[in-house]
Amino acid sequence: KLNYRYISGLYVDDANSDKTDAYGLTNITVGMDMTLNKFNILISGGVNNLTDERYVGFVNINSVSGRFYEAGIPRNYFGTIKLGYHF
């Protein structure tokens, strides 16, 4: 499964005069579903932020210590194994 998400720039001040850059994130997941007797096995894995896009993940506008930005999550990998049993 291939997924693309576009996020437009977000205003980061009360006057709407400053905003973050827009960005797009591409994620991919692949998997295999198998049945063995009464067991169902699903094995999958993937990559989030496939292009390793650098983006602002969070903006704290009204912090006591001033406005600050948190970086978005960089490219990351994951894997899952699900096991089911049919009674």
PDB file of N, CA and C in Angstrom:
ATOM      1  N   LYS A   1       0.857  -1.166   0.000  1.00  0.00           N
ATOM      2  CA  LYS A   1       0.000   0.000   0.000  1.00  0.00           C
ATOM      3  C   LYS A   1       0.902   1.228   0.000  1.00  0.00           C
ATOM      4  N   LEU A   2       0.636   2.139  -0.894  1.00  0.00           N
ATOM      5  CA  LEU A   2       1.377   3.393  -0.982  1.00  0.00           C
ATOM      6  C   LEU A   2       0.445   4.517  -0.576  1.00  0.00           C
ATOM      7  N   ASN A   3       0.920   5.402   0.285  1.00  0.00           N
ATOM      8  CA  ASN A   3       0.097   6.484   0.804  1.00  0.00           C
ATOM      9  C   ASN A   3       0.867   7.790   0.703  1.00  0.00           C
ATOM     10  N   TYR A   4       0.204   8.841   0.213  1.00  0.00           N
ATOM     11  CA  TYR A   4       0.811  10.174   0.155  1.00  0.00           C
ATOM     12  C   TYR A   4      -0.122  11.151   0.849  1.00  0.00           C
ATOM     13  N   ARG A   5       0.451  12.008   1.678  1.00  0.00           N
ATOM     14  CA  ARG A   5      -0.334  13.009   2.410  1.00  0.00           C
ATOM     15  C   ARG A   5       0.324  14.363   2.227  1.00  0.00           C
ATOM     16  N   TYR A   6      -0.460  15.369   1.799  1.00  0.00           N
ATOM     17  CA  TYR A   6       0.036  16.728   1.615  1.00  0.00           C
ATOM     18  C   TYR A   6      -0.508  17.599   2.738  1.00  0.00           C
ATOM     19  N   ILE A   7       0.368  18.374   3.366  1.00  0.00           N
ATOM     20  CA  ILE A   7      -0.029  19.282   4.436  1.00  0.00           C
ATOM     21  C   ILE A   7       0.377  20.684   4.019  1.00  0.00           C
ATOM     22  N   SER A   8      -0.592  21.586   3.944  1.00  0.00           N
ATOM     23  CA  SER A   8      -0.292  22.964   3.558  1.00  0.00           C
ATOM     24  C   SER A   8       0.400  23.676   4.709  1.00  0.00           C
ATOM     25  N   GLY A   9       0.987  24.824   4.431  1.00  0.00           N
ATOM     26  CA  GLY A   9       1.631  25.609   5.478  1.00  0.00           C
ATOM     27  C   GLY A   9       0.633  26.026   6.550  1.00  0.00           C
ATOM     28  N   LEU A  10       1.099  26.128   7.783  1.00  0.00           N
ATOM     29  CA  LEU A  10       0.244  26.514   8.908  1.00  0.00           C
ATOM     30  C   LEU A  10       0.712  27.842   9.476  1.00  0.00           C
ATOM     31  N   TYR A  11      -0.236  28.709   9.781  1.00  0.00           N
ATOM     32  CA  TYR A  11       0.128  29.974  10.422  1.00  0.00           C
ATOM     33  C   TYR A  11       0.629  29.710  11.837  1.00  0.00           C
ATOM     34  N   VAL A  12       1.658  30.443  12.229  1.00  0.00           N
ATOM     35  CA  VAL A  12       2.305  30.185  13.516  1.00  0.00           C
ATOM     36  C   VAL A  12       2.281  31.385  14.456  1.00  0.00           C
ATOM     37  N   ASP A  13       1.467  32.374  14.131  1.00  0.00           N
ATOM     38  CA  ASP A  13       1.309  33.503  15.047  1.00  0.00           C
ATOM     39  C   ASP A  13      -0.143  33.975  15.009  1.00  0.00           C
ATOM     40  N   ASP A  14      -0.537  34.710  16.026  1.00  0.00           N
ATOM     41  CA  ASP A  14      -1.925  35.155  16.136  1.00  0.00           C
ATOM     42  C   ASP A  14      -2.331  36.121  15.029  1.00  0.00           C
ATOM     43  N   ALA A  15      -1.383  36.835  14.442  1.00  0.00           N
ATOM     44  CA  ALA A  15      -1.673  37.799  13.379  1.00  0.00           C
ATOM     45  C   ALA A  15      -1.721  37.141  11.992  1.00  0.00           C
ATOM     46  N   ASN A  16      -1.440  35.853  11.917  1.00  0.00           N
ATOM     47  CA  ASN A  16      -1.383  35.127  10.639  1.00  0.00           C
ATOM     48  C   ASN A  16      -0.423  35.777   9.646  1.00  0.00           C
ATOM     49  N   SER A  17       0.726  36.196  10.145  1.00  0.00           N
ATOM     50  CA  SER A  17       1.716  36.835   9.278  1.00  0.00           C
ATOM     51  C   SER A  17       2.924  35.941   9.007  1.00  0.00           C
ATOM     52  N   ASP A  18       3.076  34.860   9.748  1.00  0.00           N
ATOM     53  CA  ASP A  18       4.207  33.944   9.577  1.00  0.00           C
ATOM     54  C   ASP A  18       3.653  32.527   9.502  1.00  0.00           C
ATOM     55  N   LYS A  19       4.181  31.730   8.559  1.00  0.00           N
ATOM     56  CA  LYS A  19       3.661  30.369   8.432  1.00  0.00           C
ATOM     57  C   LYS A  19       4.767  29.388   8.085  1.00  0.00           C
ATOM     58  N   THR A  20       4.518  28.115   8.401  1.00  0.00           N
ATOM     59  CA  THR A  20       5.465  27.044   8.087  1.00  0.00           C
ATOM     60  C   THR A  20       5.368  26.710   6.599  1.00  0.00           C
ATOM     61  N   ASP A  21       6.363  25.996   6.096  1.00  0.00           N
ATOM     62  CA  ASP A  21       6.333  25.524   4.717  1.00  0.00           C
ATOM     63  C   ASP A  21       5.381  24.336   4.595  1.00  0.00           C
ATOM     64  N   ALA A  22       4.771  24.201   3.427  1.00  0.00           N
ATOM     65  CA  ALA A  22       3.968  23.020   3.129  1.00  0.00           C
ATOM     66  C   ALA A  22       4.906  21.830   2.920  1.00  0.00           C
ATOM     67  N   TYR A  23       4.378  20.624   3.097  1.00  0.00           N
ATOM     68  CA  TYR A  23       5.202  19.434   2.881  1.00  0.00           C
ATOM     69  C   TYR A  23       4.317  18.247   2.513  1.00  0.00           C
ATOM     70  N   GLY A  24       4.939  17.227   1.970  1.00  0.00           N
ATOM     71  CA  GLY A  24       4.243  15.993   1.636  1.00  0.00           C
ATOM     72  C   GLY A  24       4.973  14.811   2.240  1.00  0.00           C
ATOM     73  N   LEU A  25       4.224  13.826   2.699  1.00  0.00           N
ATOM     74  CA  LEU A  25       4.805  12.617   3.288  1.00  0.00           C
ATOM     75  C   LEU A  25       4.344  11.396   2.498  1.00  0.00           C
ATOM     76  N   THR A  26       5.296  10.541   2.153  1.00  0.00           N
ATOM     77  CA  THR A  26       5.009   9.298   1.442  1.00  0.00           C
ATOM     78  C   THR A  26       5.330   8.123   2.359  1.00  0.00           C
ATOM     79  N   ASN A  27       4.371   7.221   2.502  1.00  0.00           N
ATOM     80  CA  ASN A  27       4.539   6.029   3.332  1.00  0.00           C
ATOM     81  C   ASN A  27       4.252   4.801   2.480  1.00  0.00           C
ATOM     82  N   ILE A  28       4.919   3.705   2.779  1.00  0.00           N
ATOM     83  CA  ILE A  28       4.688   2.462   2.043  1.00  0.00           C
ATOM     84  C   ILE A  28       4.637   1.292   3.025  1.00  0.00           C
ATOM     85  N   THR A  29       3.694   0.381   2.775  1.00  0.00           N
ATOM     86  CA  THR A  29       3.550  -0.829   3.587  1.00  0.00           C
ATOM     87  C   THR A  29       3.374  -2.020   2.648  1.00  0.00           C
ATOM     88  N   VAL A  30       4.073  -3.097   2.940  1.00  0.00           N
ATOM     89  CA  VAL A  30       3.904  -4.346   2.189  1.00  0.00           C
ATOM     90  C   VAL A  30       3.656  -5.463   3.194  1.00  0.00           C
ATOM     91  N   GLY A  31       2.907  -6.468   2.767  1.00  0.00           N
ATOM     92  CA  GLY A  31       2.622  -7.551   3.694  1.00  0.00           C
ATOM     93  C   GLY A  31       2.181  -8.816   2.990  1.00  0.00           C
ATOM     94  N   MET A  32       2.099  -9.868   3.784  1.00  0.00           N
ATOM     95  CA  MET A  32       1.695 -11.173   3.287  1.00  0.00           C
ATOM     96  C   MET A  32       0.776 -11.808   4.326  1.00  0.00           C
ATOM     97  N   ASP A  33      -0.345 -12.330   3.860  1.00  0.00           N
ATOM     98  CA  ASP A  33      -1.330 -12.973   4.727  1.00  0.00           C
ATOM     99  C   ASP A  33      -1.374 -14.460   4.375  1.00  0.00           C
ATOM    100  N   MET A  34      -1.147 -15.332   5.368  1.00  0.00           N
ATOM    101  CA  MET A  34      -1.103 -16.778   5.130  1.00  0.00           C
ATOM    102  C   MET A  34      -2.032 -17.497   6.095  1.00  0.00           C
ATOM    103  N   THR A  35      -2.530 -18.651   5.661  1.00  0.00           N
ATOM    104  CA  THR A  35      -3.333 -19.511   6.524  1.00  0.00           C
ATOM    105  C   THR A  35      -2.678 -20.883   6.574  1.00  0.00           C
ATOM    106  N   LEU A  36      -2.448 -21.375   7.788  1.00  0.00           N
ATOM    107  CA  LEU A  36      -1.878 -22.704   8.026  1.00  0.00           C
ATOM    108  C   LEU A  36      -2.801 -23.430   8.994  1.00  0.00           C
ATOM    109  N   ASN A  37      -3.542 -24.417   8.487  1.00  0.00           N
ATOM    110  CA  ASN A  37      -4.534 -25.124   9.298  1.00  0.00           C
ATOM    111  C   ASN A  37      -5.497 -24.115   9.904  1.00  0.00           C
ATOM    112  N   LYS A  38      -5.537 -23.982  11.219  1.00  0.00           N
ATOM    113  CA  LYS A  38      -6.445 -23.028  11.862  1.00  0.00           C
ATOM    114  C   LYS A  38      -5.757 -21.720  12.246  1.00  0.00           C
ATOM    115  N   PHE A  39      -4.518 -21.548  11.828  1.00  0.00           N
ATOM    116  CA  PHE A  39      -3.769 -20.330  12.148  1.00  0.00           C
ATOM    117  C   PHE A  39      -3.788 -19.362  10.969  1.00  0.00           C
ATOM    118  N   ASN A  40      -3.928 -18.113  11.276  1.00  0.00           N
ATOM    119  CA  ASN A  40      -3.821 -17.054  10.280  1.00  0.00           C
ATOM    120  C   ASN A  40      -2.608 -16.204  10.663  1.00  0.00           C
ATOM    121  N   ILE A  41      -1.695 -16.005   9.732  1.00  0.00           N
ATOM    122  CA  ILE A  41      -0.466 -15.255   9.999  1.00  0.00           C
ATOM    123  C   ILE A  41      -0.390 -14.082   9.030  1.00  0.00           C
ATOM    124  N   LEU A  42      -0.200 -12.896   9.574  1.00  0.00           N
ATOM    125  CA  LEU A  42      -0.024 -11.695   8.759  1.00  0.00           C
ATOM    126  C   LEU A  42       1.334 -11.101   9.097  1.00  0.00           C
ATOM    127  N   ILE A  43       2.186 -11.000   8.098  1.00  0.00           N
ATOM    128  CA  ILE A  43       3.513 -10.404   8.266  1.00  0.00           C
ATOM    129  C   ILE A  43       3.566  -9.167   7.381  1.00  0.00           C
ATOM    130  N   SER A  44       3.939  -8.028   7.963  1.00  0.00           N
ATOM    131  CA  SER A  44       4.010  -6.801   7.171  1.00  0.00           C
ATOM    132  C   SER A  44       5.142  -5.917   7.671  1.00  0.00           C
ATOM    133  N   GLY A  45       5.521  -4.993   6.837  1.00  0.00           N
ATOM    134  CA  GLY A  45       6.559  -4.034   7.188  1.00  0.00           C
ATOM    135  C   GLY A  45       6.466  -2.842   6.261  1.00  0.00           C
ATOM    136  N   GLY A  46       7.178  -1.801   6.609  1.00  0.00           N
ATOM    137  CA  GLY A  46       7.105  -0.624   5.761  1.00  0.00           C
ATOM    138  C   GLY A  46       8.025   0.487   6.197  1.00  0.00           C
ATOM    139  N   VAL A  47       7.855   1.593   5.505  1.00  0.00           N
ATOM    140  CA  VAL A  47       8.655   2.789   5.755  1.00  0.00           C
ATOM    141  C   VAL A  47       7.711   3.980   5.819  1.00  0.00           C
ATOM    142  N   ASN A  48       7.806   4.763   6.873  1.00  0.00           N
ATOM    143  CA  ASN A  48       7.103   6.039   6.974  1.00  0.00           C
ATOM    144  C   ASN A  48       8.076   7.150   6.612  1.00  0.00           C
ATOM    145  N   ASN A  49       7.574   8.193   5.970  1.00  0.00           N
ATOM    146  CA  ASN A  49       8.390   9.318   5.497  1.00  0.00           C
ATOM    147  C   ASN A  49       9.510   8.789   4.587  1.00  0.00           C
ATOM    148  N   LEU A  50       9.097   8.094   3.554  1.00  0.00           N
ATOM    149  CA  LEU A  50      10.002   7.411   2.629  1.00  0.00           C
ATOM    150  C   LEU A  50      11.089   8.325   2.073  1.00  0.00           C
ATOM    151  N   THR A  51      10.756   9.572   1.775  1.00  0.00           N
ATOM    152  CA  THR A  51      11.724  10.508   1.183  1.00  0.00           C
ATOM    153  C   THR A  51      12.516  11.277   2.235  1.00  0.00           C
ATOM    154  N   ASP A  52      12.315  10.953   3.503  1.00  0.00           N
ATOM    155  CA  ASP A  52      13.001  11.614   4.625  1.00  0.00           C
ATOM    156  C   ASP A  52      12.811  13.130   4.585  1.00  0.00           C
ATOM    157  N   GLU A  53      11.570  13.539   4.355  1.00  0.00           N
ATOM    158  CA  GLU A  53      11.198  14.958   4.295  1.00  0.00           C
ATOM    159  C   GLU A  53      11.446  15.624   5.644  1.00  0.00           C
ATOM    160  N   ARG A  54      12.053  16.802   5.617  1.00  0.00           N
ATOM    161  CA  ARG A  54      12.238  17.590   6.842  1.00  0.00           C
ATOM    162  C   ARG A  54      11.081  18.575   6.932  1.00  0.00           C
ATOM    163  N   TYR A  55      10.379  18.550   8.069  1.00  0.00           N
ATOM    164  CA  TYR A  55       9.195  19.388   8.206  1.00  0.00           C
ATOM    165  C   TYR A  55       8.966  19.749   9.666  1.00  0.00           C
ATOM    166  N   VAL A  56       8.149  20.775   9.864  1.00  0.00           N
ATOM    167  CA  VAL A  56       7.766  21.193  11.212  1.00  0.00           C
ATOM    168  C   VAL A  56       6.595  20.318  11.642  1.00  0.00           C
ATOM    169  N   GLY A  57       6.796  19.531  12.678  1.00  0.00           N
ATOM    170  CA  GLY A  57       5.766  18.619  13.147  1.00  0.00           C
ATOM    171  C   GLY A  57       4.828  19.229  14.173  1.00  0.00           C
ATOM    172  N   PHE A  58       5.312  20.234  14.906  1.00  0.00           N
ATOM    173  CA  PHE A  58       4.503  20.846  15.962  1.00  0.00           C
ATOM    174  C   PHE A  58       4.999  22.261  16.208  1.00  0.00           C
ATOM    175  N   VAL A  59       4.064  23.177  16.418  1.00  0.00           N
ATOM    176  CA  VAL A  59       4.406  24.563  16.733  1.00  0.00           C
ATOM    177  C   VAL A  59       3.709  24.928  18.033  1.00  0.00           C
ATOM    178  N   ASN A  60       4.467  25.412  19.013  1.00  0.00           N
ATOM    179  CA  ASN A  60       3.886  25.909  20.257  1.00  0.00           C
ATOM    180  C   ASN A  60       3.927  27.425  20.181  1.00  0.00           C
ATOM    181  N   ILE A  61       2.768  28.036  19.980  1.00  0.00           N
ATOM    182  CA  ILE A  61       2.696  29.476  19.730  1.00  0.00           C
ATOM    183  C   ILE A  61       2.786  30.286  21.015  1.00  0.00           C
ATOM    184  N   ASN A  62       2.065  29.889  22.026  1.00  0.00           N
ATOM    185  CA  ASN A  62       1.931  30.719  23.228  1.00  0.00           C
ATOM    186  C   ASN A  62       2.644  30.131  24.440  1.00  0.00           C
ATOM    187  N   SER A  63       3.835  29.613  24.244  1.00  0.00           N
ATOM    188  CA  SER A  63       4.612  29.058  25.343  1.00  0.00           C
ATOM    189  C   SER A  63       5.153  30.177  26.233  1.00  0.00           C
ATOM    190  N   VAL A  64       5.316  29.890  27.507  1.00  0.00           N
ATOM    191  CA  VAL A  64       5.883  30.863  28.446  1.00  0.00           C
ATOM    192  C   VAL A  64       7.287  31.271  28.013  1.00  0.00           C
ATOM    193  N   SER A  65       8.037  30.330  27.448  1.00  0.00           N
ATOM    194  CA  SER A  65       9.414  30.624  27.035  1.00  0.00           C
ATOM    195  C   SER A  65       9.505  31.085  25.580  1.00  0.00           C
ATOM    196  N   GLY A  66       8.390  31.440  24.968  1.00  0.00           N
ATOM    197  CA  GLY A  66       8.395  31.913  23.586  1.00  0.00           C
ATOM    198  C   GLY A  66       7.970  30.823  22.617  1.00  0.00           C
ATOM    199  N   ARG A  67       7.774  31.212  21.389  1.00  0.00           N
ATOM    200  CA  ARG A  67       7.349  30.275  20.352  1.00  0.00           C
ATOM    201  C   ARG A  67       8.482  29.312  20.028  1.00  0.00           C
ATOM    202  N   PHE A  68       8.141  28.039  19.822  1.00  0.00           N
ATOM    203  CA  PHE A  68       9.160  27.084  19.384  1.00  0.00           C
ATOM    204  C   PHE A  68       8.546  26.051  18.450  1.00  0.00           C
ATOM    205  N   TYR A  69       9.401  25.446  17.652  1.00  0.00           N
ATOM    206  CA  TYR A  69       9.006  24.457  16.656  1.00  0.00           C
ATOM    207  C   TYR A  69       9.638  23.115  17.010  1.00  0.00           C
ATOM    208  N   GLU A  70       8.912  22.036  16.758  1.00  0.00           N
ATOM    209  CA  GLU A  70       9.473  20.694  16.918  1.00  0.00           C
ATOM    210  C   GLU A  70       9.567  20.056  15.540  1.00  0.00           C
ATOM    211  N   ALA A  71      10.696  19.422  15.285  1.00  0.00           N
ATOM    212  CA  ALA A  71      10.894  18.755  13.996  1.00  0.00           C
ATOM    213  C   ALA A  71       9.943  17.573  13.856  1.00  0.00           C
ATOM    214  N   GLY A  72       9.512  17.322  12.622  1.00  0.00           N
ATOM    215  CA  GLY A  72       8.680  16.162  12.331  1.00  0.00           C
ATOM    216  C   GLY A  72       9.506  14.881  12.395  1.00  0.00           C
ATOM    217  N   ILE A  73       8.831  13.764  12.421  1.00  0.00           N
ATOM    218  CA  ILE A  73       9.495  12.461  12.538  1.00  0.00           C
ATOM    219  C   ILE A  73      10.230  12.140  11.239  1.00  0.00           C
ATOM    220  N   PRO A  74      11.519  11.811  11.319  1.00  0.00           N
ATOM    221  CA  PRO A  74      12.274  11.465  10.106  1.00  0.00           C
ATOM    222  C   PRO A  74      11.871  10.077   9.585  1.00  0.00           C
ATOM    223  N   ARG A  75      12.511   9.645   8.508  1.00  0.00           N
ATOM    224  CA  ARG A  75      12.232   8.321   7.952  1.00  0.00           C
ATOM    225  C   ARG A  75      12.350   7.278   9.063  1.00  0.00           C
ATOM    226  N   ASN A  76      11.390   6.368   9.111  1.00  0.00           N
ATOM    227  CA  ASN A  76      11.442   5.292  10.096  1.00  0.00           C
ATOM    228  C   ASN A  76      10.861   4.019   9.496  1.00  0.00           C
ATOM    229  N   TYR A  77      11.295   2.901  10.040  1.00  0.00           N
ATOM    230  CA  TYR A  77      10.937   1.585   9.527  1.00  0.00           C
ATOM    231  C   TYR A  77      10.145   0.828  10.590  1.00  0.00           C
ATOM    232  N   PHE A  78       9.267  -0.052  10.149  1.00  0.00           N
ATOM    233  CA  PHE A  78       8.496  -0.834  11.106  1.00  0.00           C
ATOM    234  C   PHE A  78       8.176  -2.212  10.534  1.00  0.00           C
ATOM    235  N   GLY A  79       7.880  -3.128  11.419  1.00  0.00           N
ATOM    236  CA  GLY A  79       7.475  -4.467  11.030  1.00  0.00           C
ATOM    237  C   GLY A  79       6.473  -5.009  12.028  1.00  0.00           C
ATOM    238  N   THR A  80       5.552  -5.837  11.548  1.00  0.00           N
ATOM    239  CA  THR A  80       4.550  -6.433  12.432  1.00  0.00           C
ATOM    240  C   THR A  80       4.351  -7.904  12.080  1.00  0.00           C
ATOM    241  N   ILE A  81       4.010  -8.666  13.085  1.00  0.00           N
ATOM    242  CA  ILE A  81       3.597 -10.055  12.907  1.00  0.00           C
ATOM    243  C   ILE A  81       2.319 -10.236  13.719  1.00  0.00           C
ATOM    244  N   LYS A  82       1.260 -10.665  13.057  1.00  0.00           N
ATOM    245  CA  LYS A  82      -0.005 -10.934  13.737  1.00  0.00           C
ATOM    246  C   LYS A  82      -0.341 -12.406  13.551  1.00  0.00           C
ATOM    247  N   LEU A  83      -0.717 -13.023  14.639  1.00  0.00           N
ATOM    248  CA  LEU A  83      -1.059 -14.441  14.622  1.00  0.00           C
ATOM    249  C   LEU A  83      -2.479 -14.601  15.149  1.00  0.00           C
ATOM    250  N   GLY A  84      -3.319 -15.275  14.393  1.00  0.00           N
ATOM    251  CA  GLY A  84      -4.694 -15.528  14.811  1.00  0.00           C
ATOM    252  C   GLY A  84      -4.995 -17.013  14.766  1.00  0.00           C
ATOM    253  N   TYR A  85      -5.987 -17.422  15.536  1.00  0.00           N
ATOM    254  CA  TYR A  85      -6.385 -18.829  15.579  1.00  0.00           C
ATOM    255  C   TYR A  85      -7.895 -18.907  15.406  1.00  0.00           C
ATOM    256  N   HIS A  86      -8.356 -19.767  14.516  1.00  0.00           N
ATOM    257  CA  HIS A  86      -9.787 -19.960  14.271  1.00  0.00           C
ATOM    258  C   HIS A  86     -10.278 -21.164  15.069  1.00  0.00           C
ATOM    259  N   PHE A  87     -11.199 -20.928  16.009  1.00  0.00           N
ATOM    260  CA  PHE A  87     -11.745 -22.008  16.843  1.00  0.00           C
ATOM    261  C   PHE A  87     -12.813 -22.770  16.099  1.00  0.00           C
TER     262      PHE A  87
END
